[in-house]
């Protein structure tokens, strides 16, 4: 006697058919597009300010100091950024 879940919590794939949930999670994790990154690089060349220089921000990984311009991602430290650039 019991339910199909039998006390194990939520069923696996319970949100698989909810379109709003899928769209919200996809948009929340989406990386920058290639054209956006290229525009940032061109803008930095015109202005003379490097695209990878950010003011310290507690919300970003590594305080926003370790940024890969080509992929548009922040890293926690210089080693992680160097490892990323190798691949």
N, C-alpha and C. Protein backbone atom coordinates (compact mmCIF):
# COMPACT_ATOMS: atom_id res chain seq x y z
N UNK A 1 0.83 -1.16 0.00
CA UNK A 1 0.00 0.00 0.00
C UNK A 1 0.89 1.23 0.00
N UNK A 2 0.51 2.23 -0.73
CA UNK A 2 1.29 3.45 -0.78
C UNK A 2 1.18 4.11 -2.14
N UNK A 3 1.92 5.14 -2.29
CA UNK A 3 1.89 5.86 -3.56
C UNK A 3 3.01 5.36 -4.46
N UNK A 4 3.01 5.84 -5.66
CA UNK A 4 4.04 5.44 -6.62
C UNK A 4 5.41 5.92 -6.17
N UNK A 5 5.46 7.04 -5.45
CA UNK A 5 6.74 7.57 -5.00
C UNK A 5 7.22 6.88 -3.74
N UNK A 6 6.31 6.38 -2.96
CA UNK A 6 6.57 5.68 -1.69
C UNK A 6 7.59 6.39 -0.82
N UNK A 7 7.41 7.71 -0.67
CA UNK A 7 8.22 8.46 0.27
C UNK A 7 9.63 8.80 -0.18
N UNK A 8 9.93 8.67 -1.45
CA UNK A 8 11.28 8.95 -1.93
C UNK A 8 11.43 10.36 -2.49
N UNK A 9 10.45 11.18 -2.33
CA UNK A 9 10.56 12.55 -2.82
C UNK A 9 10.03 12.69 -4.22
N UNK A 10 10.60 13.63 -4.93
CA UNK A 10 10.11 13.96 -6.26
C UNK A 10 10.56 12.93 -7.30
N UNK A 11 9.73 12.70 -8.27
CA UNK A 11 10.03 11.74 -9.32
C UNK A 11 11.10 12.30 -10.27
N UNK A 12 12.00 11.45 -10.72
CA UNK A 12 13.06 11.87 -11.64
C UNK A 12 12.43 12.34 -12.95
N UNK A 13 12.87 13.49 -13.42
CA UNK A 13 12.33 14.04 -14.65
C UNK A 13 10.97 14.67 -14.47
N UNK A 14 10.66 15.09 -13.27
CA UNK A 14 9.35 15.65 -12.99
C UNK A 14 9.07 16.96 -13.71
N UNK A 15 10.12 17.67 -14.10
CA UNK A 15 9.93 18.95 -14.79
C UNK A 15 10.30 18.85 -16.26
N UNK A 16 10.34 17.64 -16.78
CA UNK A 16 10.81 17.43 -18.15
C UNK A 16 9.88 18.03 -19.20
N UNK A 17 8.61 18.18 -18.88
CA UNK A 17 7.67 18.68 -19.89
C UNK A 17 7.21 20.11 -19.63
N UNK A 18 7.79 20.78 -18.65
CA UNK A 18 7.37 22.14 -18.33
C UNK A 18 8.22 23.12 -19.16
N UNK A 19 7.60 23.70 -20.15
CA UNK A 19 8.32 24.55 -21.10
C UNK A 19 8.89 25.81 -20.45
N UNK A 20 8.14 26.44 -19.55
CA UNK A 20 8.63 27.65 -18.88
C UNK A 20 9.87 27.36 -18.05
N UNK A 21 9.89 26.22 -17.37
CA UNK A 21 11.04 25.85 -16.55
C UNK A 21 12.27 25.62 -17.42
N UNK A 22 12.10 24.92 -18.52
CA UNK A 22 13.23 24.66 -19.42
C UNK A 22 13.81 25.96 -19.96
N UNK A 23 12.95 26.85 -20.42
CA UNK A 23 13.42 28.10 -20.99
C UNK A 23 14.12 28.96 -19.96
N UNK A 24 13.59 29.02 -18.75
CA UNK A 24 14.18 29.85 -17.70
C UNK A 24 15.56 29.34 -17.30
N UNK A 25 15.69 28.03 -17.17
CA UNK A 25 17.00 27.49 -16.77
C UNK A 25 18.00 27.62 -17.90
N UNK A 26 17.57 27.44 -19.14
CA UNK A 26 18.49 27.57 -20.27
C UNK A 26 18.98 29.01 -20.41
N UNK A 27 18.07 29.97 -20.30
CA UNK A 27 18.46 31.37 -20.42
C UNK A 27 19.33 31.82 -19.26
N UNK A 28 19.10 31.27 -18.08
CA UNK A 28 19.87 31.66 -16.91
C UNK A 28 21.32 31.22 -16.98
N UNK A 29 21.59 30.10 -17.65
CA UNK A 29 22.95 29.57 -17.73
C UNK A 29 23.64 29.83 -19.06
N UNK A 30 22.97 30.54 -19.95
CA UNK A 30 23.51 30.72 -21.30
C UNK A 30 24.76 31.59 -21.30
N UNK A 31 25.75 31.18 -22.06
CA UNK A 31 26.98 31.95 -22.19
C UNK A 31 26.79 33.04 -23.25
N UNK A 32 27.76 33.92 -23.34
CA UNK A 32 27.68 34.98 -24.35
C UNK A 32 27.84 34.38 -25.74
N UNK A 33 27.19 35.00 -26.70
CA UNK A 33 27.31 34.56 -28.08
C UNK A 33 28.61 35.08 -28.68
N UNK A 34 29.05 34.44 -29.76
CA UNK A 34 30.32 34.78 -30.40
C UNK A 34 30.33 36.23 -30.87
N UNK A 35 29.24 36.70 -31.44
CA UNK A 35 29.22 38.08 -31.93
C UNK A 35 29.30 39.09 -30.80
N UNK A 36 28.74 38.76 -29.63
CA UNK A 36 28.86 39.66 -28.48
C UNK A 36 30.31 39.75 -28.01
N UNK A 37 31.01 38.64 -27.99
CA UNK A 37 32.41 38.62 -27.57
C UNK A 37 33.27 39.38 -28.56
N UNK A 38 33.02 39.20 -29.86
CA UNK A 38 33.78 39.92 -30.87
C UNK A 38 33.55 41.42 -30.78
N UNK A 39 32.32 41.83 -30.49
CA UNK A 39 32.02 43.26 -30.32
C UNK A 39 32.79 43.84 -29.15
N UNK A 40 32.89 43.08 -28.04
CA UNK A 40 33.65 43.55 -26.88
C UNK A 40 35.12 43.71 -27.21
N UNK A 41 35.69 42.76 -27.97
CA UNK A 41 37.11 42.84 -28.35
C UNK A 41 37.35 44.05 -29.24
N UNK A 42 36.47 44.27 -30.23
CA UNK A 42 36.61 45.43 -31.11
C UNK A 42 36.48 46.74 -30.33
N UNK A 43 35.54 46.78 -29.41
CA UNK A 43 35.33 47.98 -28.60
C UNK A 43 36.56 48.28 -27.75
N UNK A 44 37.19 47.23 -27.21
CA UNK A 44 38.39 47.44 -26.38
C UNK A 44 39.56 47.92 -27.23
N UNK A 45 39.64 47.48 -28.48
CA UNK A 45 40.71 47.95 -29.36
C UNK A 45 40.53 49.42 -29.71
N UNK A 46 39.29 49.84 -29.92
CA UNK A 46 39.01 51.23 -30.28
C UNK A 46 39.27 52.16 -29.09
N UNK A 47 38.80 51.77 -27.91
CA UNK A 47 38.94 52.63 -26.75
C UNK A 47 40.32 52.55 -26.11
N UNK A 48 41.04 51.46 -26.34
CA UNK A 48 42.36 51.30 -25.75
C UNK A 48 42.34 50.72 -24.35
N UNK A 49 41.15 50.44 -23.82
CA UNK A 49 41.01 49.83 -22.50
C UNK A 49 40.92 48.32 -22.70
N UNK A 50 41.77 47.53 -22.03
CA UNK A 50 41.71 46.07 -22.21
C UNK A 50 40.36 45.50 -21.80
N UNK A 51 39.88 44.52 -22.56
CA UNK A 51 38.57 43.92 -22.29
C UNK A 51 38.58 43.03 -21.07
N UNK A 52 39.75 42.61 -20.62
CA UNK A 52 39.82 41.68 -19.49
C UNK A 52 40.06 42.36 -18.15
N UNK A 53 40.00 43.67 -18.09
CA UNK A 53 40.20 44.40 -16.83
C UNK A 53 38.86 44.77 -16.23
N UNK A 54 38.63 44.29 -15.01
CA UNK A 54 37.39 44.57 -14.29
C UNK A 54 37.76 45.11 -12.92
N UNK A 55 36.87 45.93 -12.38
CA UNK A 55 37.03 46.34 -10.99
C UNK A 55 36.68 45.14 -10.11
N UNK A 56 37.21 45.12 -8.88
CA UNK A 56 36.96 44.00 -7.98
C UNK A 56 35.47 43.90 -7.66
N UNK A 57 34.93 42.69 -7.82
CA UNK A 57 33.52 42.46 -7.57
C UNK A 57 33.38 41.14 -6.80
N UNK A 58 32.79 41.20 -5.61
CA UNK A 58 32.63 40.01 -4.78
C UNK A 58 31.71 38.97 -5.40
N UNK A 59 30.81 39.39 -6.27
CA UNK A 59 29.84 38.48 -6.86
C UNK A 59 30.46 37.56 -7.92
N UNK A 60 31.56 37.98 -8.54
CA UNK A 60 32.18 37.19 -9.61
C UNK A 60 33.25 36.26 -9.06
N UNK A 61 33.50 35.13 -9.73
CA UNK A 61 34.57 34.24 -9.28
C UNK A 61 35.92 34.95 -9.35
N UNK A 62 36.72 34.81 -8.32
CA UNK A 62 38.03 35.45 -8.28
C UNK A 62 37.95 36.96 -8.20
N UNK A 63 36.81 37.48 -7.82
CA UNK A 63 36.64 38.92 -7.73
C UNK A 63 36.60 39.61 -9.09
N UNK A 64 36.45 38.83 -10.16
CA UNK A 64 36.39 39.40 -11.50
C UNK A 64 37.75 39.75 -12.07
N UNK A 65 38.82 39.29 -11.44
CA UNK A 65 40.17 39.66 -11.88
C UNK A 65 40.75 38.71 -12.92
N UNK A 66 40.17 37.52 -13.08
CA UNK A 66 40.70 36.52 -14.01
C UNK A 66 39.61 36.21 -15.03
N UNK A 67 39.68 36.87 -16.19
CA UNK A 67 38.64 36.81 -17.20
C UNK A 67 39.23 36.37 -18.52
N UNK A 68 38.59 35.42 -19.19
CA UNK A 68 39.00 34.99 -20.53
C UNK A 68 38.15 35.75 -21.54
N UNK A 69 38.79 36.56 -22.34
CA UNK A 69 38.06 37.41 -23.30
C UNK A 69 37.43 36.56 -24.40
N UNK A 70 38.14 35.53 -24.84
CA UNK A 70 37.68 34.73 -25.98
C UNK A 70 36.40 33.97 -25.67
N UNK A 71 36.27 33.46 -24.44
CA UNK A 71 35.07 32.69 -24.10
C UNK A 71 34.09 33.48 -23.24
N UNK A 72 34.52 34.58 -22.66
CA UNK A 72 33.64 35.41 -21.84
C UNK A 72 33.36 34.82 -20.48
N UNK A 73 34.34 34.08 -19.90
CA UNK A 73 34.13 33.43 -18.60
C UNK A 73 35.11 33.99 -17.57
N UNK A 74 34.65 34.00 -16.31
CA UNK A 74 35.49 34.40 -15.19
C UNK A 74 36.02 33.15 -14.50
N UNK A 75 37.25 33.24 -13.95
CA UNK A 75 37.86 32.11 -13.26
C UNK A 75 38.29 32.52 -11.87
N UNK A 76 38.46 31.52 -11.00
CA UNK A 76 38.74 31.77 -9.59
C UNK A 76 40.17 32.25 -9.35
N UNK A 77 41.13 31.75 -10.14
CA UNK A 77 42.52 32.16 -9.93
C UNK A 77 43.28 32.09 -11.25
N UNK A 78 44.54 32.52 -11.20
CA UNK A 78 45.36 32.60 -12.41
C UNK A 78 45.67 31.20 -12.96
N UNK A 79 45.82 30.22 -12.08
CA UNK A 79 46.10 28.85 -12.53
C UNK A 79 44.94 28.29 -13.32
N UNK A 80 43.73 28.51 -12.86
CA UNK A 80 42.54 28.03 -13.56
C UNK A 80 42.42 28.70 -14.93
N UNK A 81 42.74 29.98 -14.99
CA UNK A 81 42.69 30.69 -16.27
C UNK A 81 43.76 30.16 -17.22
N UNK A 82 44.97 29.91 -16.71
CA UNK A 82 46.05 29.38 -17.56
C UNK A 82 45.70 27.99 -18.07
N UNK A 83 45.13 27.13 -17.22
CA UNK A 83 44.72 25.81 -17.64
C UNK A 83 43.64 25.88 -18.72
N UNK A 84 42.74 26.84 -18.56
CA UNK A 84 41.67 27.03 -19.55
C UNK A 84 42.24 27.47 -20.89
N UNK A 85 43.20 28.37 -20.87
CA UNK A 85 43.77 28.88 -22.11
C UNK A 85 44.58 27.83 -22.84
N UNK A 86 45.13 26.83 -22.11
CA UNK A 86 45.88 25.74 -22.75
C UNK A 86 44.97 24.90 -23.64
N UNK A 87 43.77 24.67 -23.19
CA UNK A 87 42.88 23.77 -23.95
C UNK A 87 42.10 24.49 -25.00
